[in-house]
Protein backbone atom coordinates (compact mmCIF):
# COMPACT_ATOMS: atom_id res chain seq x y z
CA MET A 1 70.36 168.30 112.58
CA LYS A 2 70.05 164.53 112.81
CA PRO A 3 71.84 162.14 115.18
CA SER A 4 74.15 161.18 112.30
CA HIS A 5 75.64 164.67 112.35
CA PHE A 6 76.60 164.21 116.00
CA ALA A 7 77.83 160.62 115.63
CA ARG A 8 81.00 161.78 113.88
CA THR A 9 82.37 163.81 116.80
CA PHE A 10 83.31 162.80 120.34
CA PRO A 11 81.24 165.01 122.69
CA HIS A 12 84.08 166.43 124.79
CA GLY A 13 83.31 169.28 127.13
CA SER A 14 80.12 167.65 128.38
CA MET A 15 77.98 168.90 131.22
CA PHE A 16 79.21 165.94 133.30
CA HIS A 17 82.91 166.59 132.56
CA LYS A 18 83.60 162.85 132.40
CA TRP A 19 84.62 160.90 129.33
CA GLU A 20 82.55 157.90 130.43
CA TYR A 21 79.32 159.91 130.08
CA GLU A 22 80.57 161.30 126.80
CA GLN A 23 81.20 157.81 125.44
CA VAL A 24 77.70 156.67 126.40
CA ALA A 25 76.23 159.79 124.75
CA LEU A 26 78.18 159.01 121.58
CA ASN A 27 76.88 155.43 121.74
CA ILE A 28 73.33 156.77 121.98
CA VAL A 29 73.61 158.97 118.87
CA LYS A 30 75.26 156.14 116.94
CA ILE A 31 72.38 153.84 117.86
CA LEU A 32 69.85 156.52 116.88
CA LYS A 33 71.71 157.00 113.59
CA ARG A 34 71.45 153.35 112.63
CA THR A 35 67.83 152.96 113.79
CA GLY A 36 66.22 155.62 111.65
CA ASP A 37 68.41 158.68 112.23
CA LYS A 38 65.67 160.48 114.17
CA TRP A 39 65.76 162.00 117.62
CA ARG A 40 63.80 160.07 120.23
CA ARG A 41 64.14 158.67 123.71
CA LEU A 42 66.08 155.42 123.69
CA SER A 43 65.02 152.84 126.29
CA LEU A 44 67.54 151.05 128.47
CA ASP A 45 66.57 147.71 126.94
CA GLU A 46 67.08 149.04 123.43
CA TYR A 47 70.45 150.52 124.42
CA ILE A 48 71.58 147.23 125.95
CA ASP A 49 70.44 145.23 122.92
CA ALA A 50 72.24 147.59 120.55
CA ARG A 51 75.43 147.50 122.64
CA ARG A 52 75.31 143.70 122.66
CA TYR A 53 75.00 143.87 118.88
CA ASP A 54 78.24 145.89 119.02
CA ASN A 55 79.82 143.00 120.97
CA THR A 56 80.00 144.92 124.24
CA SER A 57 80.81 142.75 127.25
CA ASN A 58 78.40 142.32 130.16
CA HIS A 59 81.01 143.94 132.40
CA ASP A 60 81.06 147.08 130.24
CA LEU A 61 77.26 147.10 130.04
CA ASN A 62 77.08 147.04 133.84
CA LEU A 63 79.36 150.09 133.91
CA GLU A 64 77.38 151.89 131.18
CA ARG A 65 73.91 151.21 132.59
CA PRO A 66 73.89 153.89 135.36
CA LEU A 67 75.51 156.44 133.04
CA PHE A 68 72.88 155.78 130.39
CA ILE A 69 70.11 156.22 132.97
CA ASP A 70 71.59 159.60 133.97
CA ILE A 71 71.64 160.96 130.41
CA GLN A 72 68.88 159.11 128.53
CA ASP A 73 66.47 162.05 128.91
CA ILE A 74 69.05 164.57 127.66
CA ILE A 75 70.11 162.97 124.39
CA ILE A 76 66.61 162.94 122.88
CA SER A 77 66.82 166.01 120.65
CA GLU A 78 69.26 168.28 118.88
CA TYR A 79 68.70 170.81 121.65
CA GLY A 80 69.57 168.25 124.33
CA ALA A 81 72.68 167.11 122.46
CA ARG A 82 73.83 170.72 122.11
CA GLN A 83 73.28 171.31 125.81
CA PHE A 84 75.15 168.12 126.67
CA SER A 85 78.42 168.94 124.92
CA VAL A 86 80.43 171.98 123.87
CA ALA A 87 81.78 170.01 120.91
CA TRP A 88 78.30 169.10 119.70
CA ASP A 89 77.11 172.68 120.12
CA GLU A 90 80.03 173.81 117.95
CA ILE A 91 78.99 171.37 115.20
CA CYS A 92 75.60 173.06 115.07
CA LYS A 93 77.04 176.57 115.11
CA ILE A 94 79.33 175.73 112.19
CA ALA A 95 76.45 174.18 110.24
CA GLU A 96 74.28 177.24 110.90
CA ASN A 97 76.95 179.46 109.35
CA LEU A 98 77.31 177.43 106.15
């Protein structure tokens, strides 16, 4: 499954159990979706540039930066996204049964 499949669902039930991490993870898959819809490691600079494109304030970017650093090596594949969130794992299970 591509990042676009994950971008439609908020990743509740994450391994971090915090909505702030879940929001950053959702931001990552949305950025991946609009930049080729392929799984890959997103750099911090690319994340910041994309969030600025989304009109995110510097204050919010300062809050997101450490969260992004914590999860940037997880949200690089379908497997990582499934491991990150119960909701995203469910998306894959449903798709596998179609």
